[in-house]
Amino acid sequence: MNNFPSKEVVESIRKRYPVGSRVELLHMNDPQAPTIGTIGTVIGVDDIGSIMVRWSNDSSLSVVYGEDSCRVVE
């Protein structure tokens, strides 16, 4: 058994985090993670539901489905 989301879940993530939307990092389980509160721009959502982000500090770590979290900012 894997922990990957269904295609329907991935599609809902893509709708919630469209390319170009701005997000704020809330939690990332990675030693190289940007600081909590860092803002970035969504560049896509991959097939396993990870939100690919170009962070304002030039990092490009993805927000991993089920592990990390971010929120859309206006």
PDB file of N, CA and C in Angstrom:
ATOM      1  N   MET A   1       0.844  -1.201   0.000  1.00  0.00           N
ATOM      2  CA  MET A   1       0.000   0.000   0.000  1.00  0.00           C
ATOM      3  C   MET A   1       0.877   1.248   0.000  1.00  0.00           C
ATOM      4  N   ASN A   2       0.504   2.224  -0.824  1.00  0.00           N
ATOM      5  CA  ASN A   2       1.271   3.476  -0.845  1.00  0.00           C
ATOM      6  C   ASN A   2       0.455   4.592  -0.192  1.00  0.00           C
ATOM      7  N   ASN A   3       1.117   5.694   0.058  1.00  0.00           N
ATOM      8  CA  ASN A   3       0.453   6.847   0.670  1.00  0.00           C
ATOM      9  C   ASN A   3       0.191   7.944  -0.347  1.00  0.00           C
ATOM     10  N   PHE A   4       0.221   7.597  -1.623  1.00  0.00           N
ATOM     11  CA  PHE A   4      -0.008   8.594  -2.657  1.00  0.00           C
ATOM     12  C   PHE A   4      -1.489   8.909  -2.753  1.00  0.00           C
ATOM     13  N   PRO A   5      -1.821  10.171  -3.026  1.00  0.00           N
ATOM     14  CA  PRO A   5      -3.229  10.540  -3.155  1.00  0.00           C
ATOM     15  C   PRO A   5      -3.819  10.026  -4.464  1.00  0.00           C
ATOM     16  N   SER A   6      -5.130   9.905  -4.489  1.00  0.00           N
ATOM     17  CA  SER A   6      -5.825   9.491  -5.713  1.00  0.00           C
ATOM     18  C   SER A   6      -5.736  10.607  -6.754  1.00  0.00           C
ATOM     19  N   LYS A   7      -6.052  10.251  -8.003  1.00  0.00           N
ATOM     20  CA  LYS A   7      -6.063  11.257  -9.074  1.00  0.00           C
ATOM     21  C   LYS A   7      -7.043  12.375  -8.761  1.00  0.00           C
ATOM     22  N   GLU A   8      -8.158  12.034  -8.122  1.00  0.00           N
ATOM     23  CA  GLU A   8      -9.162  13.043  -7.766  1.00  0.00           C
ATOM     24  C   GLU A   8      -8.606  14.031  -6.738  1.00  0.00           C
ATOM     25  N   VAL A   9      -7.858  13.520  -5.768  1.00  0.00           N
ATOM     26  CA  VAL A   9      -7.244  14.390  -4.756  1.00  0.00           C
ATOM     27  C   VAL A   9      -6.206  15.299  -5.404  1.00  0.00           C
ATOM     28  N   VAL A  10      -5.383  14.740  -6.298  1.00  0.00           N
ATOM     29  CA  VAL A  10      -4.372  15.552  -6.987  1.00  0.00           C
ATOM     30  C   VAL A  10      -5.055  16.660  -7.786  1.00  0.00           C
ATOM     31  N   GLU A  11      -6.145  16.349  -8.468  1.00  0.00           N
ATOM     32  CA  GLU A  11      -6.863  17.370  -9.235  1.00  0.00           C
ATOM     33  C   GLU A  11      -7.419  18.457  -8.318  1.00  0.00           C
ATOM     34  N   SER A  12      -7.902  18.082  -7.142  1.00  0.00           N
ATOM     35  CA  SER A  12      -8.429  19.095  -6.221  1.00  0.00           C
ATOM     36  C   SER A  12      -7.300  19.977  -5.688  1.00  0.00           C
ATOM     37  N   ILE A  13      -6.118  19.419  -5.480  1.00  0.00           N
ATOM     38  CA  ILE A  13      -4.956  20.214  -5.063  1.00  0.00           C
ATOM     39  C   ILE A  13      -4.595  21.198  -6.175  1.00  0.00           C
ATOM     40  N   ARG A  14      -4.611  20.737  -7.420  1.00  0.00           N
ATOM     41  CA  ARG A  14      -4.302  21.621  -8.558  1.00  0.00           C
ATOM     42  C   ARG A  14      -5.290  22.774  -8.660  1.00  0.00           C
ATOM     43  N   LYS A  15      -6.563  22.506  -8.352  1.00  0.00           N
ATOM     44  CA  LYS A  15      -7.563  23.580  -8.385  1.00  0.00           C
ATOM     45  C   LYS A  15      -7.358  24.563  -7.233  1.00  0.00           C
ATOM     46  N   ARG A  16      -6.976  24.046  -6.077  1.00  0.00           N
ATOM     47  CA  ARG A  16      -6.779  24.901  -4.897  1.00  0.00           C
ATOM     48  C   ARG A  16      -5.498  25.726  -4.989  1.00  0.00           C
ATOM     49  N   TYR A  17      -4.475  25.177  -5.662  1.00  0.00           N
ATOM     50  CA  TYR A  17      -3.170  25.837  -5.787  1.00  0.00           C
ATOM     51  C   TYR A  17      -2.785  25.970  -7.256  1.00  0.00           C
ATOM     52  N   PRO A  18      -3.487  26.831  -8.005  1.00  0.00           N
ATOM     53  CA  PRO A  18      -3.172  26.965  -9.431  1.00  0.00           C
ATOM     54  C   PRO A  18      -1.802  27.605  -9.660  1.00  0.00           C
ATOM     55  N   VAL A  19      -1.203  27.298 -10.803  1.00  0.00           N
ATOM     56  CA  VAL A  19       0.079  27.897 -11.181  1.00  0.00           C
ATOM     57  C   VAL A  19      -0.046  29.410 -11.091  1.00  0.00           C
ATOM     58  N   GLY A  20       0.943  30.040 -10.466  1.00  0.00           N
ATOM     59  CA  GLY A  20       0.959  31.487 -10.318  1.00  0.00           C
ATOM     60  C   GLY A  20       0.400  31.980  -8.999  1.00  0.00           C
ATOM     61  N   SER A  21      -0.305  31.107  -8.265  1.00  0.00           N
ATOM     62  CA  SER A  21      -0.844  31.569  -6.986  1.00  0.00           C
ATOM     63  C   SER A  21       0.288  31.727  -5.972  1.00  0.00           C
ATOM     64  N   ARG A  22       0.064  32.617  -5.025  1.00  0.00           N
ATOM     65  CA  ARG A  22       1.059  32.895  -3.996  1.00  0.00           C
ATOM     66  C   ARG A  22       0.690  32.105  -2.742  1.00  0.00           C
ATOM     67  N   VAL A  23       1.694  31.515  -2.121  1.00  0.00           N
ATOM     68  CA  VAL A  23       1.474  30.714  -0.923  1.00  0.00           C
ATOM     69  C   VAL A  23       2.438  31.117   0.185  1.00  0.00           C
ATOM     70  N   GLU A  24       2.014  30.837   1.415  1.00  0.00           N
ATOM     71  CA  GLU A  24       2.842  31.053   2.595  1.00  0.00           C
ATOM     72  C   GLU A  24       3.140  29.702   3.213  1.00  0.00           C
ATOM     73  N   LEU A  25       4.405  29.448   3.524  1.00  0.00           N
ATOM     74  CA  LEU A  25       4.798  28.187   4.146  1.00  0.00           C
ATOM     75  C   LEU A  25       4.349  28.157   5.600  1.00  0.00           C
ATOM     76  N   LEU A  26       3.630  27.087   5.971  1.00  0.00           N
ATOM     77  CA  LEU A  26       3.177  26.900   7.347  1.00  0.00           C
ATOM     78  C   LEU A  26       3.998  25.848   8.077  1.00  0.00           C
ATOM     79  N   HIS A  27       4.412  24.799   7.357  1.00  0.00           N
ATOM     80  CA  HIS A  27       5.204  23.712   7.951  1.00  0.00           C
ATOM     81  C   HIS A  27       5.906  22.959   6.837  1.00  0.00           C
ATOM     82  N   MET A  28       7.177  22.639   7.054  1.00  0.00           N
ATOM     83  CA  MET A  28       7.894  21.790   6.112  1.00  0.00           C
ATOM     84  C   MET A  28       8.861  20.907   6.895  1.00  0.00           C
ATOM     85  N   ASN A  29       8.738  19.615   6.691  1.00  0.00           N
ATOM     86  CA  ASN A  29       9.546  18.639   7.401  1.00  0.00           C
ATOM     87  C   ASN A  29      10.821  18.353   6.611  1.00  0.00           C
ATOM     88  N   ASP A  30      11.701  19.348   6.542  1.00  0.00           N
ATOM     89  CA  ASP A  30      12.944  19.220   5.770  1.00  0.00           C
ATOM     90  C   ASP A  30      13.981  20.158   6.382  1.00  0.00           C
ATOM     91  N   PRO A  31      15.206  19.660   6.627  1.00  0.00           N
ATOM     92  CA  PRO A  31      16.231  20.533   7.228  1.00  0.00           C
ATOM     93  C   PRO A  31      16.616  21.713   6.332  1.00  0.00           C
ATOM     94  N   GLN A  32      16.364  21.622   5.041  1.00  0.00           N
ATOM     95  CA  GLN A  32      16.680  22.705   4.114  1.00  0.00           C
ATOM     96  C   GLN A  32      15.488  23.632   3.869  1.00  0.00           C
ATOM     97  N   ALA A  33      14.423  23.450   4.640  1.00  0.00           N
ATOM     98  CA  ALA A  33      13.185  24.205   4.420  1.00  0.00           C
ATOM     99  C   ALA A  33      13.387  25.701   4.606  1.00  0.00           C
ATOM    100  N   PRO A  34      12.654  26.483   3.802  1.00  0.00           N
ATOM    101  CA  PRO A  34      12.630  27.925   4.055  1.00  0.00           C
ATOM    102  C   PRO A  34      12.016  28.181   5.435  1.00  0.00           C
ATOM    103  N   THR A  35      12.230  29.368   5.961  1.00  0.00           N
ATOM    104  CA  THR A  35      11.657  29.760   7.241  1.00  0.00           C
ATOM    105  C   THR A  35      10.134  29.757   7.156  1.00  0.00           C
ATOM    106  N   ILE A  36       9.471  29.302   8.222  1.00  0.00           N
ATOM    107  CA  ILE A  36       8.012  29.355   8.283  1.00  0.00           C
ATOM    108  C   ILE A  36       7.583  30.799   8.016  1.00  0.00           C
ATOM    109  N   GLY A  37       6.567  30.969   7.195  1.00  0.00           N
ATOM    110  CA  GLY A  37       6.099  32.299   6.831  1.00  0.00           C
ATOM    111  C   GLY A  37       6.651  32.794   5.502  1.00  0.00           C
ATOM    112  N   THR A  38       7.641  32.058   4.947  1.00  0.00           N
ATOM    113  CA  THR A  38       8.198  32.442   3.645  1.00  0.00           C
ATOM    114  C   THR A  38       7.097  32.369   2.585  1.00  0.00           C
ATOM    115  N   ILE A  39       7.098  33.337   1.675  1.00  0.00           N
ATOM    116  CA  ILE A  39       6.114  33.408   0.592  1.00  0.00           C
ATOM    117  C   ILE A  39       6.751  32.871  -0.693  1.00  0.00           C
ATOM    118  N   GLY A  40       5.956  32.195  -1.487  1.00  0.00           N
ATOM    119  CA  GLY A  40       6.438  31.690  -2.764  1.00  0.00           C
ATOM    120  C   GLY A  40       5.336  31.683  -3.806  1.00  0.00           C
ATOM    121  N   THR A  41       5.709  31.303  -5.021  1.00  0.00           N
ATOM    122  CA  THR A  41       4.785  31.232  -6.143  1.00  0.00           C
ATOM    123  C   THR A  41       4.693  29.790  -6.622  1.00  0.00           C
ATOM    124  N   VAL A  42       3.475  29.287  -6.759  1.00  0.00           N
ATOM    125  CA  VAL A  42       3.254  27.920  -7.224  1.00  0.00           C
ATOM    126  C   VAL A  42       3.649  27.821  -8.691  1.00  0.00           C
ATOM    127  N   ILE A  43       4.488  26.823  -8.998  1.00  0.00           N
ATOM    128  CA  ILE A  43       4.874  26.587 -10.390  1.00  0.00           C
ATOM    129  C   ILE A  43       4.242  25.300 -10.936  1.00  0.00           C
ATOM    130  N   GLY A  44       3.525  24.579 -10.065  1.00  0.00           N
ATOM    131  CA  GLY A  44       2.823  23.389 -10.512  1.00  0.00           C
ATOM    132  C   GLY A  44       2.525  22.451  -9.361  1.00  0.00           C
ATOM    133  N   VAL A  45       1.752  21.403  -9.667  1.00  0.00           N
ATOM    134  CA  VAL A  45       1.477  20.317  -8.720  1.00  0.00           C
ATOM    135  C   VAL A  45       1.825  19.035  -9.455  1.00  0.00           C
ATOM    136  N   ASP A  46       2.694  18.220  -8.851  1.00  0.00           N
ATOM    137  CA  ASP A  46       3.102  16.993  -9.541  1.00  0.00           C
ATOM    138  C   ASP A  46       2.069  15.880  -9.369  1.00  0.00           C
ATOM    139  N   ASP A  47       2.346  14.725  -9.969  1.00  0.00           N
ATOM    140  CA  ASP A  47       1.377  13.626  -9.992  1.00  0.00           C
ATOM    141  C   ASP A  47       1.174  12.945  -8.652  1.00  0.00           C
ATOM    142  N   ILE A  48       1.997  13.267  -7.647  1.00  0.00           N
ATOM    143  CA  ILE A  48       1.783  12.701  -6.316  1.00  0.00           C
ATOM    144  C   ILE A  48       1.293  13.769  -5.332  1.00  0.00           C
ATOM    145  N   GLY A  49       0.823  14.898  -5.882  1.00  0.00           N
ATOM    146  CA  GLY A  49       0.186  15.915  -5.063  1.00  0.00           C
ATOM    147  C   GLY A  49       1.108  16.912  -4.398  1.00  0.00           C
ATOM    148  N   SER A  50       2.405  16.842  -4.676  1.00  0.00           N
ATOM    149  CA  SER A  50       3.331  17.826  -4.107  1.00  0.00           C
ATOM    150  C   SER A  50       3.179  19.154  -4.848  1.00  0.00           C
ATOM    151  N   ILE A  51       3.118  20.231  -4.069  1.00  0.00           N
ATOM    152  CA  ILE A  51       2.985  21.572  -4.640  1.00  0.00           C
ATOM    153  C   ILE A  51       4.385  22.108  -4.894  1.00  0.00           C
ATOM    154  N   MET A  52       4.707  22.332  -6.161  1.00  0.00           N
ATOM    155  CA  MET A  52       6.032  22.830  -6.536  1.00  0.00           C
ATOM    156  C   MET A  52       6.021  24.343  -6.422  1.00  0.00           C
ATOM    157  N   VAL A  53       6.954  24.887  -5.624  1.00  0.00           N
ATOM    158  CA  VAL A  53       6.950  26.317  -5.307  1.00  0.00           C
ATOM    159  C   VAL A  53       8.332  26.910  -5.546  1.00  0.00           C
ATOM    160  N   ARG A  54       8.360  28.110  -6.106  1.00  0.00           N
ATOM    161  CA  ARG A  54       9.586  28.919  -6.173  1.00  0.00           C
ATOM    162  C   ARG A  54       9.470  29.894  -5.006  1.00  0.00           C
ATOM    163  N   TRP A  55      10.230  29.647  -3.945  1.00  0.00           N
ATOM    164  CA  TRP A  55      10.173  30.465  -2.733  1.00  0.00           C
ATOM    165  C   TRP A  55      10.924  31.771  -2.933  1.00  0.00           C
ATOM    166  N   SER A  56      10.569  32.783  -2.131  1.00  0.00           N
ATOM    167  CA  SER A  56      11.176  34.111  -2.244  1.00  0.00           C
ATOM    168  C   SER A  56      12.669  34.107  -1.912  1.00  0.00           C
ATOM    169  N   ASN A  57      13.150  33.044  -1.247  1.00  0.00           N
ATOM    170  CA  ASN A  57      14.583  32.943  -0.944  1.00  0.00           C
ATOM    171  C   ASN A  57      15.324  32.135  -2.008  1.00  0.00           C
ATOM    172  N   ASP A  58      14.685  31.933  -3.170  1.00  0.00           N
ATOM    173  CA  ASP A  58      15.229  31.189  -4.312  1.00  0.00           C
ATOM    174  C   ASP A  58      15.280  29.681  -4.119  1.00  0.00           C
ATOM    175  N   SER A  59      14.745  29.165  -3.021  1.00  0.00           N
ATOM    176  CA  SER A  59      14.608  27.726  -2.837  1.00  0.00           C
ATOM    177  C   SER A  59      13.484  27.246  -3.753  1.00  0.00           C
ATOM    178  N   SER A  60      13.512  25.979  -4.105  1.00  0.00           N
ATOM    179  CA  SER A  60      12.423  25.428  -4.907  1.00  0.00           C
ATOM    180  C   SER A  60      11.938  24.094  -4.328  1.00  0.00           C
ATOM    181  N   LEU A  61      12.028  23.940  -3.011  1.00  0.00           N
ATOM    182  CA  LEU A  61      11.532  22.720  -2.380  1.00  0.00           C
ATOM    183  C   LEU A  61      10.016  22.646  -2.502  1.00  0.00           C
ATOM    184  N   SER A  62       9.515  21.460  -2.782  1.00  0.00           N
ATOM    185  CA  SER A  62       8.075  21.258  -2.914  1.00  0.00           C
ATOM    186  C   SER A  62       7.428  21.051  -1.552  1.00  0.00           C
ATOM    187  N   VAL A  63       6.163  21.426  -1.472  1.00  0.00           N
ATOM    188  CA  VAL A  63       5.345  21.174  -0.293  1.00  0.00           C
ATOM    189  C   VAL A  63       4.765  19.776  -0.493  1.00  0.00           C
ATOM    190  N   VAL A  64       5.217  18.818   0.312  1.00  0.00           N
ATOM    191  CA  VAL A  64       4.885  17.404   0.110  1.00  0.00           C
ATOM    192  C   VAL A  64       3.505  17.078   0.680  1.00  0.00           C
ATOM    193  N   TYR A  65       2.687  16.438  -0.149  1.00  0.00           N
ATOM    194  CA  TYR A  65       1.344  16.028   0.260  1.00  0.00           C
ATOM    195  C   TYR A  65       1.415  15.147   1.509  1.00  0.00           C
ATOM    196  N   GLY A  66       0.617  15.486   2.521  1.00  0.00           N
ATOM    197  CA  GLY A  66       0.541  14.683   3.734  1.00  0.00           C
ATOM    198  C   GLY A  66       1.652  14.937   4.742  1.00  0.00           C
ATOM    199  N   GLU A  67       2.662  15.726   4.381  1.00  0.00           N
ATOM    200  CA  GLU A  67       3.800  16.004   5.267  1.00  0.00           C
ATOM    201  C   GLU A  67       3.902  17.475   5.621  1.00  0.00           C
ATOM    202  N   ASP A  68       3.857  18.323   4.610  1.00  0.00           N
ATOM    203  CA  ASP A  68       4.096  19.750   4.760  1.00  0.00           C
ATOM    204  C   ASP A  68       2.789  20.511   4.554  1.00  0.00           C
ATOM    205  N   SER A  69       2.800  21.801   4.851  1.00  0.00           N
ATOM    206  CA  SER A  69       1.590  22.581   4.597  1.00  0.00           C
ATOM    207  C   SER A  69       1.906  24.030   4.248  1.00  0.00           C
ATOM    208  N   CYS A  70       1.005  24.580   3.438  1.00  0.00           N
ATOM    209  CA  CYS A  70       1.083  25.982   3.056  1.00  0.00           C
ATOM    210  C   CYS A  70      -0.345  26.466   2.867  1.00  0.00           C
ATOM    211  N   ARG A  71      -0.484  27.777   2.700  1.00  0.00           N
ATOM    212  CA  ARG A  71      -1.810  28.334   2.438  1.00  0.00           C
ATOM    213  C   ARG A  71      -1.701  29.404   1.369  1.00  0.00           C
ATOM    214  N   VAL A  72      -2.779  29.549   0.619  1.00  0.00           N
ATOM    215  CA  VAL A  72      -2.838  30.576  -0.417  1.00  0.00           C
ATOM    216  C   VAL A  72      -2.948  31.933   0.267  1.00  0.00           C
ATOM    217  N   VAL A  73      -2.183  32.898  -0.222  1.00  0.00           N
ATOM    218  CA  VAL A  73      -2.287  34.285   0.266  1.00  0.00           C
ATOM    219  C   VAL A  73      -2.730  35.166  -0.894  1.00  0.00           C
ATOM    220  N   GLU A  74      -3.406  36.242  -0.557  1.00  0.00           N
ATOM    221  CA  GLU A  74      -3.902  37.167  -1.586  1.00  0.00           C
ATOM    222  C   GLU A  74      -2.832  38.135  -2.011  1.00  0.00           C
TER     223      GLU A  74
END
